[in-house]
Every structure is written in structure tokens, then in C-alpha cells.
Protein backbone atom coordinates (compact mmCIF):
# COMPACT_ATOMS: atom_id res chain seq x y z
CA UNK A 1 102.85 35.52 -90.09
CA UNK A 2 106.22 37.20 -90.51
CA UNK A 3 106.66 40.61 -92.10
CA UNK A 4 107.17 38.91 -95.49
CA UNK A 5 106.84 39.55 -98.35
CA UNK A 6 109.20 42.48 -98.59
CA UNK A 7 107.52 45.38 -100.37
CA UNK A 8 108.87 47.17 -103.42
CA UNK A 9 106.38 49.67 -104.81
CA UNK A 10 106.45 50.56 -108.49
CA UNK A 11 104.95 54.04 -108.94
CA UNK A 12 103.91 53.10 -112.48
CA UNK A 13 101.38 50.63 -111.05
CA UNK A 14 98.07 51.41 -109.32
CA UNK A 15 98.55 52.28 -105.64
CA UNK A 16 95.38 50.44 -104.66
CA UNK A 17 93.51 47.47 -106.10
CA UNK A 18 89.97 46.31 -105.43
CA UNK A 19 89.13 42.62 -105.44
CA UNK A 20 85.77 41.09 -106.24
CA UNK A 21 85.68 37.83 -104.30
CA UNK A 22 83.90 35.20 -106.38
CA UNK A 23 84.28 31.99 -104.37
CA UNK A 24 80.73 31.94 -102.98
CA UNK A 25 79.23 32.03 -106.49
CA UNK A 26 81.64 31.35 -109.34
CA UNK A 27 83.72 29.08 -107.13
CA UNK A 28 80.98 26.96 -105.59
CA UNK A 29 78.97 26.53 -108.79
CA UNK A 30 81.64 24.20 -110.19
CA UNK A 31 81.82 21.99 -107.10
CA UNK A 32 80.14 18.56 -106.95
CA UNK A 33 79.15 19.14 -103.32
CA UNK A 34 76.35 21.65 -102.70
CA UNK A 35 76.90 23.61 -99.51
CA UNK A 36 73.87 24.46 -97.36
CA UNK A 37 72.85 28.07 -96.82
CA UNK A 38 74.36 28.39 -93.29
CA UNK A 39 77.77 27.28 -94.61
CA UNK A 40 77.56 29.66 -97.56
CA UNK A 41 76.70 32.46 -95.15
CA UNK A 42 79.64 31.57 -92.94
CA UNK A 43 81.95 31.65 -95.96
CA UNK A 44 80.71 35.09 -96.97
CA UNK A 45 80.94 36.32 -93.39
CA UNK A 46 84.53 35.14 -93.04
CA UNK A 47 85.47 36.85 -96.30
CA UNK A 48 83.83 40.11 -95.22
CA UNK A 49 85.65 40.01 -91.89
CA UNK A 50 88.90 39.56 -93.83
CA UNK A 51 88.29 42.94 -95.43
CA UNK A 52 86.84 42.01 -98.82
CA UNK A 53 84.31 44.66 -99.77
CA UNK A 54 82.75 43.01 -102.82
CA UNK A 55 81.67 39.38 -102.45
CA UNK A 56 79.51 37.51 -104.93
CA UNK A 57 76.63 36.04 -102.94
CA UNK A 58 75.09 33.68 -105.50
CA UNK A 59 73.01 33.63 -108.64
CA UNK A 60 69.36 33.58 -109.60
CA UNK A 61 69.60 30.82 -112.17
CA UNK A 62 67.57 27.64 -112.56
CA UNK A 63 68.38 25.25 -109.68
CA UNK A 64 68.12 22.44 -112.21
CA UNK A 65 71.01 23.91 -114.19
CA UNK A 66 73.13 25.00 -111.22
CA UNK A 67 71.90 23.28 -108.03
CA UNK A 68 74.85 24.67 -106.05
CA UNK A 69 73.24 28.13 -106.29
CA UNK A 70 69.78 27.14 -105.14
CA UNK A 71 68.41 29.23 -102.25
CA UNK A 72 70.38 32.36 -103.12
CA UNK A 73 67.37 34.35 -101.89
CA UNK A 74 67.89 32.74 -98.48
CA UNK A 75 71.57 33.68 -98.58
CA UNK A 76 70.69 37.33 -99.24
CA UNK A 77 68.15 37.20 -96.42
CA UNK A 78 70.97 36.29 -94.06
CA UNK A 79 73.21 39.20 -95.09
CA UNK A 80 73.24 42.82 -94.03
CA UNK A 81 72.51 44.38 -97.40
CA UNK A 82 72.85 47.88 -95.93
CA UNK A 83 76.47 47.36 -94.91
CA UNK A 84 79.50 48.79 -96.68
CA UNK A 85 80.09 45.40 -98.35
CA UNK A 86 78.48 44.85 -101.75
CA UNK A 87 77.01 41.43 -102.48
CA UNK A 88 76.47 41.14 -106.24
CA UNK A 89 74.34 38.30 -107.58
CA UNK A 90 74.32 36.92 -111.10
CA UNK A 91 71.06 37.38 -113.02
CA UNK A 92 70.85 35.62 -116.40
CA UNK A 93 67.59 37.20 -117.56
CA UNK A 94 64.69 39.46 -116.58
CA UNK A 95 63.08 36.77 -114.43
CA UNK A 96 66.31 36.33 -112.50
CA UNK A 97 66.52 40.10 -112.11
CA UNK A 98 62.99 40.26 -110.73
CA UNK A 99 63.78 37.49 -108.25
CA UNK A 100 66.96 39.28 -107.18
CA UNK A 101 65.13 42.56 -106.66
CA UNK A 102 62.44 40.81 -104.65
CA UNK A 103 65.20 39.37 -102.46
CA UNK A 104 66.60 42.87 -101.88
CA UNK A 105 69.70 42.77 -104.08
CA UNK A 106 71.30 46.15 -104.80
CA UNK A 107 74.14 44.79 -106.96
CA UNK A 108 73.68 42.46 -109.91
CA UNK A 109 75.85 40.99 -112.62
CA UNK A 110 74.89 40.08 -116.16
CA UNK A 111 76.78 37.59 -118.27
CA UNK A 112 77.34 37.38 -122.00
CA UNK A 113 79.72 35.43 -124.19
CA UNK A 114 81.80 36.72 -127.07
CA UNK A 115 81.57 33.41 -128.97
CA UNK A 116 78.71 31.52 -130.57
CA UNK A 117 79.71 28.08 -129.29
CA UNK A 118 79.87 29.08 -125.64
CA UNK A 119 76.59 30.96 -125.93
CA UNK A 120 74.95 27.76 -127.14
CA UNK A 121 76.65 25.55 -124.54
CA UNK A 122 76.36 27.81 -121.50
CA UNK A 123 73.56 30.30 -122.12
CA UNK A 124 71.10 28.20 -124.10
CA UNK A 125 70.79 30.25 -127.25
CA UNK A 126 72.56 31.90 -130.14
CA UNK A 127 75.13 34.62 -129.59
CA UNK A 128 72.69 37.27 -130.82
CA UNK A 129 69.87 35.98 -128.62
CA UNK A 130 71.89 35.66 -125.44
CA UNK A 131 73.67 38.97 -125.94
CA UNK A 132 70.37 40.77 -126.38
CA UNK A 133 68.98 39.04 -123.30
CA UNK A 134 71.96 40.13 -121.22
CA UNK A 135 71.83 43.68 -122.53
CA UNK A 136 68.09 43.95 -121.87
CA UNK A 137 68.62 42.67 -118.33
CA UNK A 138 71.42 45.16 -117.71
CA UNK A 139 69.30 48.05 -118.97
CA UNK A 140 66.37 47.04 -116.77
CA UNK A 141 68.61 46.70 -113.72
CA UNK A 142 70.24 50.07 -114.35
CA UNK A 143 66.85 51.71 -114.84
CA UNK A 144 65.75 50.26 -111.51
CA UNK A 145 68.68 51.95 -109.77
CA UNK A 146 70.78 48.84 -109.20
CA UNK A 147 74.54 48.74 -109.61
CA UNK A 148 75.30 46.55 -112.61
CA UNK A 149 78.41 44.56 -113.41
CA UNK A 150 78.99 42.92 -116.79
CA UNK A 151 80.83 39.65 -117.31
CA UNK A 152 82.35 38.78 -120.68
CA UNK A 153 83.28 35.13 -121.14
CA UNK A 154 85.73 33.54 -123.60
CA UNK A 155 87.57 36.84 -124.05
CA UNK A 156 90.95 35.17 -124.58
CA UNK A 157 89.97 32.00 -126.41
CA UNK A 158 87.19 29.45 -126.82
CA UNK A 159 87.62 25.65 -126.51
CA UNK A 160 85.44 25.05 -129.57
CA UNK A 161 86.27 28.04 -131.77
CA UNK A 162 89.86 28.82 -130.82
CA UNK A 163 91.16 32.38 -131.17
CA UNK A 164 88.94 35.36 -130.39
CA UNK A 165 89.38 38.71 -132.16
CA UNK A 166 90.05 41.51 -129.61
CA UNK A 167 87.82 43.79 -131.72
CA UNK A 168 84.93 41.40 -131.08
CA UNK A 169 85.60 41.76 -127.37
CA UNK A 170 85.62 45.55 -127.72
CA UNK A 171 82.22 45.52 -129.39
CA UNK A 172 80.72 43.40 -126.62
CA UNK A 173 82.31 45.60 -123.95
CA UNK A 174 80.83 48.73 -125.52
CA UNK A 175 77.39 47.10 -125.56
CA UNK A 176 77.65 46.32 -121.84
CA UNK A 177 78.88 49.82 -121.04
CA UNK A 178 76.07 51.42 -123.02
CA UNK A 179 73.54 49.20 -121.21
CA UNK A 180 74.62 50.63 -117.86
CA UNK A 181 77.39 48.30 -116.65
CA UNK A 182 79.86 50.33 -114.61
CA UNK A 183 82.36 47.46 -114.42
CA UNK A 184 83.19 45.00 -117.19
CA UNK A 185 84.95 41.83 -116.11
CA UNK A 186 87.07 40.24 -118.84
CA UNK A 187 86.97 36.49 -118.42
CA UNK A 188 89.87 34.24 -119.35
CA UNK A 189 87.37 31.42 -119.03
CA UNK A 190 89.66 28.56 -120.03
CA UNK A 191 92.89 30.10 -118.79
CA UNK A 192 94.73 30.31 -122.11
CA UNK A 193 95.72 33.99 -121.96
CA UNK A 194 99.33 35.12 -121.73
CA UNK A 195 100.61 38.58 -120.70
CA UNK A 196 101.06 39.84 -124.25
CA UNK A 197 97.54 38.74 -125.10
CA UNK A 198 96.15 40.56 -122.07
CA UNK A 199 98.00 43.72 -123.05
CA UNK A 200 96.70 43.56 -126.62
CA UNK A 201 93.09 43.08 -125.53
CA UNK A 202 93.29 45.94 -123.03
CA UNK A 203 94.88 48.27 -125.57
CA UNK A 204 92.16 47.36 -128.08
CA UNK A 205 89.39 48.12 -125.59
CA UNK A 206 90.92 51.43 -124.54
CA UNK A 207 91.35 52.34 -128.20
CA UNK A 208 87.66 51.61 -128.69
CA UNK A 209 86.71 54.10 -125.98
CA UNK A 210 86.38 51.78 -122.96
CA UNK A 211 87.85 53.44 -119.86
CA UNK A 212 90.59 51.38 -118.22
CA UNK A 213 89.06 52.29 -114.85
CA UNK A 214 85.93 50.33 -115.77
CA UNK A 215 87.78 47.11 -116.64
CA UNK A 216 88.33 44.14 -114.37
CA UNK A 217 90.34 41.01 -115.15
CA UNK A 218 89.02 37.54 -114.30
CA UNK A 219 91.79 34.96 -114.71
CA UNK A 220 91.94 31.18 -114.51
CA UNK A 221 95.17 29.38 -113.77
CA UNK A 222 94.88 26.50 -116.25
CA UNK A 223 98.37 27.08 -117.67
CA UNK A 224 99.84 28.78 -114.61
CA UNK A 225 99.57 32.24 -116.17
CA UNK A 226 97.03 33.91 -113.86
CA UNK A 227 99.40 36.09 -111.84
CA UNK A 228 101.54 36.96 -114.86
CA UNK A 229 98.39 38.13 -116.59
CA UNK A 230 97.41 40.20 -113.57
CA UNK A 231 100.81 41.90 -113.63
CA UNK A 232 100.41 42.71 -117.32
CA UNK A 233 97.03 44.25 -116.56
CA UNK A 234 98.46 46.26 -113.66
CA UNK A 235 101.04 47.71 -116.03
CA UNK A 236 98.18 48.93 -118.23
CA UNK A 237 96.41 50.55 -115.25
CA UNK A 238 93.79 47.94 -114.39
CA UNK A 239 92.94 48.15 -110.69
CA UNK A 240 90.07 45.67 -110.38
CA UNK A 241 90.48 41.89 -110.28
CA UNK A 242 88.25 38.90 -109.63
CA UNK A 243 89.65 36.17 -107.40
CA UNK A 244 88.41 33.18 -105.46
CA UNK A 245 89.46 32.04 -101.98
CA UNK A 246 91.71 29.02 -102.31
CA UNK A 247 91.40 29.09 -106.10
CA UNK A 248 88.10 27.24 -105.90
CA UNK A 249 86.03 27.12 -109.05
CA UNK A 250 86.12 26.83 -112.77
CA UNK A 251 83.38 26.86 -115.36
CA UNK A 252 80.99 23.87 -115.26
CA UNK A 253 80.10 24.49 -118.90
CA UNK A 254 83.68 24.53 -120.25
CA UNK A 255 85.47 21.33 -119.40
CA UNK A 256 88.96 22.72 -119.94
CA UNK A 257 88.49 25.50 -117.38
CA UNK A 258 90.30 24.86 -114.12
CA UNK A 259 90.41 26.89 -110.94
CA UNK A 260 90.10 30.61 -110.55
CA UNK A 261 93.00 32.77 -109.46
CA UNK A 262 93.32 32.24 -105.71
CA UNK A 263 92.62 35.38 -103.69
CA UNK A 264 95.53 34.82 -101.33
CA UNK A 265 97.95 34.22 -104.24
CA UNK A 266 96.85 37.57 -105.66
CA UNK A 267 97.17 39.24 -102.26
CA UNK A 268 100.72 37.96 -101.77
CA UNK A 269 101.85 39.41 -105.09
CA UNK A 270 100.05 42.73 -104.57
CA UNK A 271 101.47 43.05 -101.05
CA UNK A 272 104.98 42.48 -102.38
CA UNK A 273 104.38 45.26 -104.90
CA UNK A 274 103.28 47.59 -102.10
CA UNK A 275 99.77 47.80 -103.55
CA UNK A 276 97.03 48.33 -100.97
CA UNK A 277 93.92 46.12 -100.86
CA UNK A 278 92.65 46.40 -97.30
CA UNK A 279 92.40 42.60 -97.10
CA UNK A 280 93.95 40.37 -94.43
CA UNK A 281 95.84 37.60 -96.23
CA UNK A 282 96.06 35.42 -93.11
CA UNK A 283 92.29 35.50 -92.66
CA UNK A 284 91.69 34.64 -96.31
CA UNK A 285 94.19 31.76 -96.16
CA UNK A 286 92.53 30.37 -93.05
CA UNK A 287 89.13 30.67 -94.72
CA UNK A 288 90.43 28.78 -97.75
CA UNK A 289 91.58 25.91 -95.54
CA UNK A 290 88.19 25.87 -93.83
CA UNK A 291 86.40 25.95 -97.20
CA UNK A 292 88.41 22.99 -98.44
CA UNK A 293 87.23 21.05 -95.39
CA UNK A 294 83.60 21.91 -96.18
CA UNK A 295 84.05 20.77 -99.79
CA UNK A 296 85.91 17.62 -98.87
CA UNK A 297 89.13 18.32 -100.75
CA UNK A 298 92.19 20.55 -100.63
CA UNK A 299 92.07 23.76 -102.65
CA UNK A 300 94.89 24.61 -105.09
CA UNK A 301 96.23 27.86 -103.60
CA UNK A 302 99.96 27.63 -102.95
CA UNK A 303 99.90 30.71 -100.74
CA UNK A 304 97.16 29.31 -98.52
CA UNK A 305 99.23 26.24 -97.75
CA UNK A 306 102.38 28.30 -97.16
CA UNK A 307 100.73 30.89 -94.91
CA UNK A 308 98.84 28.38 -92.78
CA UNK A 309 101.55 25.71 -92.78
CA UNK A 310 99.05 23.10 -93.98
């Protein structure tokens, strides 16, 4: 690759950003083709070699509900869990947590919604029930000495209920923090957020006592706003972002959700801003092209196609 993009650092933005790579879990779970364990391990290995230090490895959910994540225990068995790379796995309940711990997981993620409709559609219970289940799981994981990450879904809008009050988001974020989650990922699950919306939600959370350093933004590119929303978050001091190689993924339980923010699209923008990530954009772009071949279709990342010339 050439020495592009040119770099113009803004000292008002974070000097370094960490990326949680979600393609091997959040990305693959929405795909019609289920990849075998050796291919999933190769994907994770390629991403680690590219310099990504946090890579979702899978989830301990019912294989009937999400067959693409079956055999996550076998995936963990094929990874070096003592390396400097963290491999968080999603655990929906105490049983999933127990299975993850048996498999040797040191990093887990819990998942709650901020809306009733999505709780019913995705998590199989009322908002109160599923929130309590997620909080109980987070507390148990934290008590067991695991690193715990909290996902909040439908933060910026719900396909059934519409607008979401930022104060509702703040209450859910506080509950996750108090349960031991050191990172709280704010999910734009259906991709309807705009930069002003992101700013308002972040300001509301900070005003409610949530440290900006603990917040991560998880964007979807449904309306082409993912990178604009990232930039708005950078301006507020957010330095953690979820992204998916090639932009693979979406939410299988929310039909209007399209692909995740592509990791290489994020890397191109951050590189142009002079923000350090420690990740090799060429390696990620090549991995995205390879992943598209495994899935049988091209992935939506514009940067991947530009960098690789494909």
C-alpha cells in the first residue's frame, strides 16, 4: 500500500484507540452459512496477527437459537488463552457463564436491552427479567475473577418502539457498571443514530456518573452514519470501538439491522486522524476478502476493496 492516507492529528481527540473485533461472533451469527471450527480459528488467528488485541471468539448460547456459534468451547480450546490477546465470549445467563468458565474463558460479555420489545424478541423474556438475568450473570462473572464487558442494545432506537430516552440508557449503563462491567458497549443495533444523537447520549451518561473511559461505541452502517458517529464519539473522548472485519454481521433478531462498521473502514479514518491502533490495515483488508470467500459473498467494506484492489 502507499503511504496514504495523509495524517492530520487533532490534539483534541484521543491519541490511541482500542478496537474490539467482533466479526467472529457478532458478525458470523447473522450469516446463513455456518463456518466450521477450523475456519473460525483461522479467522481469529488472522485477526490476531493483524494486531487486534481483543477478538470476540464466540458465544455460549443455545445452538438451536444461534447455530453459527455452536462449538464455541472447541474454538476456545484451539486458542492460546494465556496470550496478550483477549478473547471475550458472550454469555446470556448463568449456565452460559458456567460453560464458558469450564472452557477456560477469562473474558466474558453480558447482553441486555434497553427496550421491552427487543427483550421479548431477542432475549426471551420481559425487560425486567432479562435485565436481572444479565446483571446476575455479570455479578457472578466478576466475583469469579473474570473480566466482564456489558453490551447495551437498542441504545439509539428500537424498530418496534421507536425513540429511546437517553436517561433510560444511563440507568441501564449504571446497572451494568455496578454489576462489575468494566466496559459498556453502546449498541446502535439498527443503525439509526446520527452524530448529534451520539453526543447527546454520551453527555447524558457522563452526567449520570458513567466514566467516558468505560464507554465503547458499537455502530451499524444501515444509513451510512457509522463513521460519522464514531467521529462524534471521538470528540467526546471515547477511545473504544467495536468493529467487524469487512463489515460482516447485523442482528439476526432485528430485521432492519444491516452490517457492522467495517474494521478497515474505521482503521482508515483513524489512521488519517493520526490516531494509533496498532493494527495493520492491509492484513485486515486481506482477511476480509478471505472471509467473504468462506461465506460465499462479498463483504460491504469499501476500504477492503480499495486496499486490496478487489
